Amino acid sequence: MIISKTEKIARLAYLFGLLGLIGLFIGIGLSVFIEHMQHGDKYSLLQFSISELGTYNRSSSALLINGGLFFGSLSLTMSALFGLQINRTITGRLFWLALIVTFLALAATGLFPLNVYHLHIQAVSIFIYFGLISALLGLVNGIIMRQAQYMLPLVFAGLIAVIHGAILTWPYWGGSLGENPLSEGLLFQAIVSQSPKPQTWWLSILFWLSIITTWLWVLSICRCYFLPQGQSKADKPKPKI
């Protein structure tokens, strides 16, 4: 069976996407597990941000999570680059370009942890903004496609838009962030670090939800965009002898 160039690129996009997802899952999962084993009930995702988990002087598992974020996100960037190559629509290309910037920003959060404070804040802000943009473009692209196979990515794109929208509008409905509650700098600082810690740190929780939902969204994109639809591996016709 002859495989077309488009199918080859789609397979590469799928493999790089899965590799990136595995890297993110292992890095973040092991870090959370190690911190919980070391600190027990004192460690809670409700009170510790993902940025604090990657801070070298605070977390013993910082190297794991930063490595997972960096290498996993770079692999997702490669997947999005391949996705860009096989897309022919304007909205589709804009969608993949926005995803590329989103994943590069996520990689930068691992490359520049909270120890490199200002660069980390910039990376987080770009991830939030372009995550919202890519989600909105994903919604537009999915609606234009009008195919049932894109329904799951459409749902996750909607969730990403809601989560990132909630983060960016937090100063309007979530309470004051100091003397200047509408300051973007204060907003992104409040996502990664707060002292004293609130009992329930909503901005950090929203950021955790963003990472988890983005992971699920990319998984659905890999499955629905890069794999042939309508037949499973077992149903694929076998080559004739």
C-alpha atoms as a PDB file:
ATOM      1  CA  MET A   1       0.000   0.000   0.000  1.00  0.00           C
ATOM      2  CA  ILE A   2       1.408   3.366  -1.076  1.00  0.00           C
ATOM      3  CA  ILE A   3       1.377   6.052   1.592  1.00  0.00           C
ATOM      4  CA  SER A   4       0.951   9.625   0.417  1.00  0.00           C
ATOM      5  CA  LYS A   5       3.152  12.483   1.580  1.00  0.00           C
ATOM      6  CA  THR A   6       0.243  13.981   3.528  1.00  0.00           C
ATOM      7  CA  GLU A   7      -0.303  10.699   5.380  1.00  0.00           C
ATOM      8  CA  LYS A   8       3.398  10.495   6.250  1.00  0.00           C
ATOM      9  CA  ILE A   9       3.347  14.030   7.665  1.00  0.00           C
ATOM     10  CA  ALA A  10       0.158  13.245   9.605  1.00  0.00           C
ATOM     11  CA  ARG A  11       1.819  10.178  11.127  1.00  0.00           C
ATOM     12  CA  LEU A  12       4.839  12.241  12.159  1.00  0.00           C
ATOM     13  CA  ALA A  13       2.519  14.838  13.696  1.00  0.00           C
ATOM     14  CA  TYR A  14       0.730  12.073  15.606  1.00  0.00           C
ATOM     15  CA  LEU A  15       3.955  10.486  16.877  1.00  0.00           C
ATOM     16  CA  PHE A  16       5.488  13.803  17.968  1.00  0.00           C
ATOM     17  CA  GLY A  17       2.203  14.738  19.615  1.00  0.00           C
ATOM     18  CA  LEU A  18       2.081  11.500  21.614  1.00  0.00           C
ATOM     19  CA  LEU A  19       5.751  11.834  22.540  1.00  0.00           C
ATOM     20  CA  GLY A  20       5.139  15.358  23.824  1.00  0.00           C
ATOM     21  CA  LEU A  21       2.085  14.280  25.813  1.00  0.00           C
ATOM     22  CA  ILE A  22       4.033  11.427  27.392  1.00  0.00           C
ATOM     23  CA  GLY A  23       6.856  13.817  28.308  1.00  0.00           C
ATOM     24  CA  LEU A  24       4.443  16.267  29.951  1.00  0.00           C
ATOM     25  CA  PHE A  25       2.603  13.496  31.782  1.00  0.00           C
ATOM     26  CA  ILE A  26       5.752  11.867  33.150  1.00  0.00           C
ATOM     27  CA  GLY A  27       7.398  15.150  34.160  1.00  0.00           C
ATOM     28  CA  ILE A  28       4.381  16.647  35.910  1.00  0.00           C
ATOM     29  CA  GLY A  29       3.045  13.351  37.281  1.00  0.00           C
ATOM     30  CA  LEU A  30       6.339  12.278  38.848  1.00  0.00           C
ATOM     31  CA  SER A  31       6.901  15.742  40.342  1.00  0.00           C
ATOM     32  CA  VAL A  32       3.472  15.810  41.988  1.00  0.00           C
ATOM     33  CA  PHE A  33       3.942  12.239  43.247  1.00  0.00           C
ATOM     34  CA  ILE A  34       7.390  12.955  44.715  1.00  0.00           C
ATOM     35  CA  GLU A  35       6.232  16.131  46.453  1.00  0.00           C
ATOM     36  CA  HIS A  36       3.214  14.342  47.905  1.00  0.00           C
ATOM     37  CA  MET A  37       5.387  11.465  49.146  1.00  0.00           C
ATOM     38  CA  GLN A  38       7.840  13.879  50.776  1.00  0.00           C
ATOM     39  CA  HIS A  39       5.360  16.297  52.321  1.00  0.00           C
ATOM     40  CA  GLY A  40       2.177  14.250  52.641  1.00  0.00           C
ATOM     41  CA  ASP A  41      -0.934  16.243  53.473  1.00  0.00           C
ATOM     42  CA  LYS A  42       1.121  19.447  53.654  1.00  0.00           C
ATOM     43  CA  TYR A  43       1.377  19.373  49.851  1.00  0.00           C
ATOM     44  CA  SER A  44      -1.815  20.303  47.997  1.00  0.00           C
ATOM     45  CA  LEU A  45      -2.385  21.378  44.411  1.00  0.00           C
ATOM     46  CA  LEU A  46      -4.885  23.849  45.880  1.00  0.00           C
ATOM     47  CA  GLN A  47      -2.022  25.773  47.487  1.00  0.00           C
ATOM     48  CA  PHE A  48       1.084  25.100  45.355  1.00  0.00           C
ATOM     49  CA  SER A  49       1.375  26.346  41.788  1.00  0.00           C
ATOM     50  CA  ILE A  50       2.994  24.470  38.927  1.00  0.00           C
ATOM     51  CA  SER A  51       5.605  27.258  38.821  1.00  0.00           C
ATOM     52  CA  GLU A  52       6.540  26.662  42.468  1.00  0.00           C
ATOM     53  CA  LEU A  53       6.851  22.964  41.689  1.00  0.00           C
ATOM     54  CA  GLY A  54       9.508  23.891  39.130  1.00  0.00           C
ATOM     55  CA  THR A  55      11.462  26.281  41.385  1.00  0.00           C
ATOM     56  CA  TYR A  56      14.902  24.825  42.093  1.00  0.00           C
ATOM     57  CA  ASN A  57      15.365  26.146  45.616  1.00  0.00           C
ATOM     58  CA  ARG A  58      11.862  25.097  46.696  1.00  0.00           C
ATOM     59  CA  SER A  59      11.212  21.744  45.035  1.00  0.00           C
ATOM     60  CA  SER A  60      13.377  18.636  44.959  1.00  0.00           C
ATOM     61  CA  SER A  61      11.586  17.485  41.788  1.00  0.00           C
ATOM     62  CA  ALA A  62      12.023  20.753  39.868  1.00  0.00           C
ATOM     63  CA  LEU A  63      14.307  19.173  37.271  1.00  0.00           C
ATOM     64  CA  LEU A  64      11.669  16.572  36.408  1.00  0.00           C
ATOM     65  CA  ILE A  65       8.811  18.983  35.838  1.00  0.00           C
ATOM     66  CA  ASN A  66      10.955  21.558  34.012  1.00  0.00           C
ATOM     67  CA  GLY A  67      12.396  18.851  31.777  1.00  0.00           C
ATOM     68  CA  GLY A  68       8.918  17.494  31.075  1.00  0.00           C
ATOM     69  CA  LEU A  69       7.573  20.937  30.252  1.00  0.00           C
ATOM     70  CA  PHE A  70      10.529  21.844  28.039  1.00  0.00           C
ATOM     71  CA  PHE A  71      11.071  18.661  26.020  1.00  0.00           C
ATOM     72  CA  GLY A  72       7.389  17.689  25.999  1.00  0.00           C
ATOM     73  CA  SER A  73       6.319  21.103  24.718  1.00  0.00           C
ATOM     74  CA  LEU A  74       9.068  21.148  22.086  1.00  0.00           C
ATOM     75  CA  SER A  75       7.764  17.828  20.794  1.00  0.00           C
ATOM     76  CA  LEU A  76       4.231  19.283  20.705  1.00  0.00           C
ATOM     77  CA  THR A  77       5.629  22.240  18.780  1.00  0.00           C
ATOM     78  CA  MET A  78       7.010  19.836  16.165  1.00  0.00           C
ATOM     79  CA  SER A  79       3.606  18.141  15.991  1.00  0.00           C
ATOM     80  CA  ALA A  80       1.912  21.505  15.389  1.00  0.00           C
ATOM     81  CA  LEU A  81       4.493  22.361  12.709  1.00  0.00           C
ATOM     82  CA  PHE A  82       3.608  19.152  10.866  1.00  0.00           C
ATOM     83  CA  GLY A  83      -0.070  19.962  11.334  1.00  0.00           C
ATOM     84  CA  LEU A  84       0.559  23.335   9.729  1.00  0.00           C
ATOM     85  CA  GLN A  85       2.083  21.630   6.683  1.00  0.00           C
ATOM     86  CA  ILE A  86      -0.981  19.503   5.937  1.00  0.00           C
ATOM     87  CA  ASN A  87      -3.547  22.273   6.441  1.00  0.00           C
ATOM     88  CA  ARG A  88      -4.739  24.306   3.489  1.00  0.00           C
ATOM     89  CA  THR A  89      -7.313  26.689   5.013  1.00  0.00           C
ATOM     90  CA  ILE A  90      -6.556  30.159   6.364  1.00  0.00           C
ATOM     91  CA  THR A  91      -8.299  29.544   9.702  1.00  0.00           C
ATOM     92  CA  GLY A  92      -6.564  26.185  10.003  1.00  0.00           C
ATOM     93  CA  ARG A  93      -3.132  27.656   9.432  1.00  0.00           C
ATOM     94  CA  LEU A  94      -3.786  30.459  11.906  1.00  0.00           C
ATOM     95  CA  PHE A  95      -4.903  27.819  14.404  1.00  0.00           C
ATOM     96  CA  TRP A  96      -1.695  25.788  14.040  1.00  0.00           C
ATOM     97  CA  LEU A  97       0.463  28.926  14.190  1.00  0.00           C
ATOM     98  CA  ALA A  98      -1.229  29.973  17.439  1.00  0.00           C
ATOM     99  CA  LEU A  99      -0.661  26.464  18.828  1.00  0.00           C
ATOM    100  CA  ILE A 100       3.019  26.650  17.914  1.00  0.00           C
ATOM    101  CA  VAL A 101       3.427  29.886  19.876  1.00  0.00           C
ATOM    102  CA  THR A 102       1.432  28.391  22.781  1.00  0.00           C
ATOM    103  CA  PHE A 103       3.661  25.315  23.002  1.00  0.00           C
ATOM    104  CA  LEU A 104       6.849  27.364  22.665  1.00  0.00           C
ATOM    105  CA  ALA A 105       5.671  29.527  25.573  1.00  0.00           C
ATOM    106  CA  LEU A 106       4.934  26.409  27.628  1.00  0.00           C
ATOM    107  CA  ALA A 107       8.420  25.104  26.824  1.00  0.00           C
ATOM    108  CA  ALA A 108       9.830  28.447  27.974  1.00  0.00           C
ATOM    109  CA  THR A 109       8.131  28.056  31.377  1.00  0.00           C
ATOM    110  CA  GLY A 110      10.289  24.955  31.863  1.00  0.00           C
ATOM    111  CA  LEU A 111      13.424  26.475  30.369  1.00  0.00           C
ATOM    112  CA  PHE A 112      13.038  29.613  32.510  1.00  0.00           C
ATOM    113  CA  PRO A 113      11.613  28.501  35.870  1.00  0.00           C
ATOM    114  CA  LEU A 114      10.427  30.829  38.610  1.00  0.00           C
ATOM    115  CA  ASN A 115      14.078  31.345  39.610  1.00  0.00           C
ATOM    116  CA  VAL A 116      14.364  33.415  36.407  1.00  0.00           C
ATOM    117  CA  TYR A 117      11.376  35.439  37.542  1.00  0.00           C
ATOM    118  CA  HIS A 118      10.645  37.965  34.776  1.00  0.00           C
ATOM    119  CA  LEU A 119      11.257  35.535  31.894  1.00  0.00           C
ATOM    120  CA  HIS A 120       9.012  32.975  33.572  1.00  0.00           C
ATOM    121  CA  ILE A 121       6.230  35.545  34.016  1.00  0.00           C
ATOM    122  CA  GLN A 122       6.514  36.503  30.331  1.00  0.00           C
ATOM    123  CA  ALA A 123       6.335  32.855  29.255  1.00  0.00           C
ATOM    124  CA  VAL A 124       3.244  32.254  31.409  1.00  0.00           C
ATOM    125  CA  SER A 125       1.520  35.367  30.042  1.00  0.00           C
ATOM    126  CA  ILE A 126       2.198  34.345  26.408  1.00  0.00           C
ATOM    127  CA  PHE A 127       0.922  30.827  27.131  1.00  0.00           C
ATOM    128  CA  ILE A 128      -2.318  32.207  28.586  1.00  0.00           C
ATOM    129  CA  TYR A 129      -2.930  34.701  25.773  1.00  0.00           C
ATOM    130  CA  PHE A 130      -2.058  32.417  22.863  1.00  0.00           C
ATOM    131  CA  GLY A 131      -3.788  29.475  24.511  1.00  0.00           C
ATOM    132  CA  LEU A 132      -6.971  31.545  24.417  1.00  0.00           C
ATOM    133  CA  ILE A 133      -6.324  32.633  20.820  1.00  0.00           C
ATOM    134  CA  SER A 134      -5.611  29.081  19.647  1.00  0.00           C
ATOM    135  CA  ALA A 135      -8.739  27.811  21.437  1.00  0.00           C
ATOM    136  CA  LEU A 136     -10.926  30.430  19.745  1.00  0.00           C
ATOM    137  CA  LEU A 137      -9.356  29.648  16.364  1.00  0.00           C
ATOM    138  CA  GLY A 138      -9.862  25.946  17.076  1.00  0.00           C
ATOM    139  CA  LEU A 139     -13.552  26.622  17.710  1.00  0.00           C
ATOM    140  CA  VAL A 140     -13.867  28.575  14.468  1.00  0.00           C
ATOM    141  CA  ASN A 141     -11.959  25.929  12.502  1.00  0.00           C
ATOM    142  CA  GLY A 142     -14.024  23.088  13.993  1.00  0.00           C
ATOM    143  CA  ILE A 143     -17.307  24.860  13.243  1.00  0.00           C
ATOM    144  CA  ILE A 144     -16.227  25.504   9.650  1.00  0.00           C
ATOM    145  CA  MET A 145     -15.268  21.826   9.228  1.00  0.00           C
ATOM    146  CA  ARG A 146     -18.752  20.690  10.350  1.00  0.00           C
ATOM    147  CA  GLN A 147     -17.634  17.101  10.801  1.00  0.00           C
ATOM    148  CA  ALA A 148     -18.523  14.878  13.745  1.00  0.00           C
ATOM    149  CA  GLN A 149     -14.931  13.677  14.128  1.00  0.00           C
ATOM    150  CA  TYR A 150     -13.872  17.156  15.314  1.00  0.00           C
ATOM    151  CA  MET A 151     -16.499  17.355  18.073  1.00  0.00           C
ATOM    152  CA  LEU A 152     -14.190  16.298  20.926  1.00  0.00           C
ATOM    153  CA  PRO A 153     -11.420  18.818  20.081  1.00  0.00           C
ATOM    154  CA  LEU A 154     -14.203  21.399  19.761  1.00  0.00           C
ATOM    155  CA  VAL A 155     -15.398  20.674  23.301  1.00  0.00           C
ATOM    156  CA  PHE A 156     -11.893  20.917  24.785  1.00  0.00           C
ATOM    157  CA  ALA A 157     -11.215  24.119  22.814  1.00  0.00           C
ATOM    158  CA  GLY A 158     -14.325  25.579  24.431  1.00  0.00           C
ATOM    159  CA  LEU A 159     -13.103  24.553  27.892  1.00  0.00           C
ATOM    160  CA  ILE A 160      -9.680  26.117  27.234  1.00  0.00           C
ATOM    161  CA  ALA A 161     -11.351  29.352  26.110  1.00  0.00           C
ATOM    162  CA  VAL A 162     -13.446  29.442  29.292  1.00  0.00           C
ATOM    163  CA  ILE A 163     -10.481  28.689  31.599  1.00  0.00           C
ATOM    164  CA  HIS A 164      -8.115  31.195  29.980  1.00  0.00           C
ATOM    165  CA  GLY A 165     -10.893  33.745  29.754  1.00  0.00           C
ATOM    166  CA  ALA A 166     -11.560  33.286  33.481  1.00  0.00           C
ATOM    167  CA  ILE A 167      -7.862  33.845  34.244  1.00  0.00           C
ATOM    168  CA  LEU A 168      -7.622  37.006  32.159  1.00  0.00           C
ATOM    169  CA  THR A 169     -10.861  38.464  33.576  1.00  0.00           C
ATOM    170  CA  TRP A 170     -10.017  37.491  37.165  1.00  0.00           C
ATOM    171  CA  PRO A 171      -9.422  41.110  38.291  1.00  0.00           C
ATOM    172  CA  TYR A 172     -13.017  41.948  37.285  1.00  0.00           C
ATOM    173  CA  TRP A 173     -14.751  39.169  39.204  1.00  0.00           C
ATOM    174  CA  GLY A 174     -12.236  37.392  41.438  1.00  0.00           C
ATOM    175  CA  GLY A 175     -11.244  40.198  43.767  1.00  0.00           C
ATOM    176  CA  SER A 176      -8.441  42.705  44.109  1.00  0.00           C
ATOM    177  CA  LEU A 177      -4.822  41.989  43.260  1.00  0.00           C
ATOM    178  CA  GLY A 178      -3.444  44.839  45.291  1.00  0.00           C
ATOM    179  CA  GLU A 179      -3.382  48.557  44.695  1.00  0.00           C
ATOM    180  CA  ASN A 180      -3.847  48.131  40.934  1.00  0.00           C
ATOM    181  CA  PRO A 181      -6.174  45.119  40.457  1.00  0.00           C
ATOM    182  CA  LEU A 182      -6.244  45.485  36.667  1.00  0.00           C
ATOM    183  CA  SER A 183      -2.479  45.314  36.262  1.00  0.00           C
ATOM    184  CA  GLU A 184      -1.481  42.420  33.964  1.00  0.00           C
ATOM    185  CA  GLY A 185       1.856  42.113  35.718  1.00  0.00           C
ATOM    186  CA  LEU A 186       0.159  41.564  39.052  1.00  0.00           C
ATOM    187  CA  LEU A 187      -2.257  39.097  37.483  1.00  0.00           C
ATOM    188  CA  PHE A 188       0.467  36.786  36.145  1.00  0.00           C
ATOM    189  CA  GLN A 189       2.518  37.177  39.317  1.00  0.00           C
ATOM    190  CA  ALA A 190      -0.534  36.027  41.275  1.00  0.00           C
ATOM    191  CA  ILE A 191      -0.803  32.916  39.072  1.00  0.00           C
ATOM    192  CA  VAL A 192       2.691  31.638  39.892  1.00  0.00           C
ATOM    193  CA  SER A 193       3.337  32.849  43.445  1.00  0.00           C
ATOM    194  CA  GLN A 194       1.441  34.363  46.376  1.00  0.00           C
ATOM    195  CA  SER A 195       2.443  35.059  49.959  1.00  0.00           C
ATOM    196  CA  PRO A 196       0.776  34.495  52.331  1.00  0.00           C
ATOM    197  CA  LYS A 197      -0.988  31.659  50.572  1.00  0.00           C
ATOM    198  CA  PRO A 198      -4.783  31.798  50.433  1.00  0.00           C
ATOM    199  CA  GLN A 199      -6.718  28.779  51.653  1.00  0.00           C
ATOM    200  CA  THR A 200      -7.932  28.187  48.089  1.00  0.00           C
ATOM    201  CA  TRP A 201      -5.660  29.655  45.439  1.00  0.00           C
ATOM    202  CA  TRP A 202      -8.050  30.015  42.535  1.00  0.00           C
ATOM    203  CA  LEU A 203      -5.663  31.514  39.990  1.00  0.00           C
ATOM    204  CA  SER A 204      -3.207  28.675  40.505  1.00  0.00           C
ATOM    205  CA  ILE A 205      -6.048  26.139  40.309  1.00  0.00           C
ATOM    206  CA  LEU A 206      -7.169  27.653  37.010  1.00  0.00           C
ATOM    207  CA  PHE A 207      -3.602  27.391  35.711  1.00  0.00           C
ATOM    208  CA  TRP A 208      -3.446  23.722  36.714  1.00  0.00           C
ATOM    209  CA  LEU A 209      -6.801  23.175  34.970  1.00  0.00           C
ATOM    210  CA  SER A 210      -5.392  24.916  31.897  1.00  0.00           C
ATOM    211  CA  ILE A 211      -2.413  22.541  31.736  1.00  0.00           C
ATOM    212  CA  ILE A 212      -4.585  19.442  32.247  1.00  0.00           C
ATOM    213  CA  THR A 213      -7.231  20.535  29.731  1.00  0.00           C
ATOM    214  CA  THR A 214      -4.562  21.486  27.179  1.00  0.00           C
ATOM    215  CA  TRP A 215      -3.095  17.975  27.574  1.00  0.00           C
ATOM    216  CA  LEU A 216      -6.499  16.391  26.908  1.00  0.00           C
ATOM    217  CA  TRP A 217      -7.154  18.802  24.039  1.00  0.00           C
ATOM    218  CA  VAL A 218      -3.910  17.906  22.282  1.00  0.00           C
ATOM    219  CA  LEU A 219      -4.653  14.202  22.802  1.00  0.00           C
ATOM    220  CA  SER A 220      -8.021  14.646  21.090  1.00  0.00           C
ATOM    221  CA  ILE A 221      -6.386  16.671  18.287  1.00  0.00           C
ATOM    222  CA  CYS A 222      -3.847  13.894  17.665  1.00  0.00           C
ATOM    223  CA  ARG A 223      -6.609  11.302  17.547  1.00  0.00           C
ATOM    224  CA  CYS A 224      -9.098  13.258  15.432  1.00  0.00           C
ATOM    225  CA  TYR A 225      -6.849  15.268  13.111  1.00  0.00           C
ATOM    226  CA  PHE A 226      -3.899  12.965  12.430  1.00  0.00           C
ATOM    227  CA  LEU A 227      -5.373   9.442  12.417  1.00  0.00           C
ATOM    228  CA  PRO A 228      -7.584   8.099   9.587  1.00  0.00           C
ATOM    229  CA  GLN A 229     -11.215   8.162  10.629  1.00  0.00           C
ATOM    230  CA  GLY A 230     -13.872   5.549  10.149  1.00  0.00           C
ATOM    231  CA  GLN A 231     -11.764   2.435  10.621  1.00  0.00           C
ATOM    232  CA  SER A 232      -9.707   0.953  13.412  1.00  0.00           C
ATOM    233  CA  LYS A 233      -6.392  -0.787  12.981  1.00  0.00           C
ATOM    234  CA  ALA A 234      -8.156  -4.139  13.081  1.00  0.00           C
ATOM    235  CA  ASP A 235     -10.567  -3.021  10.341  1.00  0.00           C
ATOM    236  CA  LYS A 236      -7.916  -1.762   7.920  1.00  0.00           C
ATOM    237  CA  PRO A 237      -7.737  -3.851   4.735  1.00  0.00           C
ATOM    238  CA  LYS A 238      -4.833  -6.220   4.571  1.00  0.00           C
ATOM    239  CA  PRO A 239      -2.544  -6.033   1.549  1.00  0.00           C
ATOM    240  CA  LYS A 240      -3.307  -8.642  -1.102  1.00  0.00           C
ATOM    241  CA  ILE A 241      -0.689 -11.277  -1.806  1.00  0.00           C
END
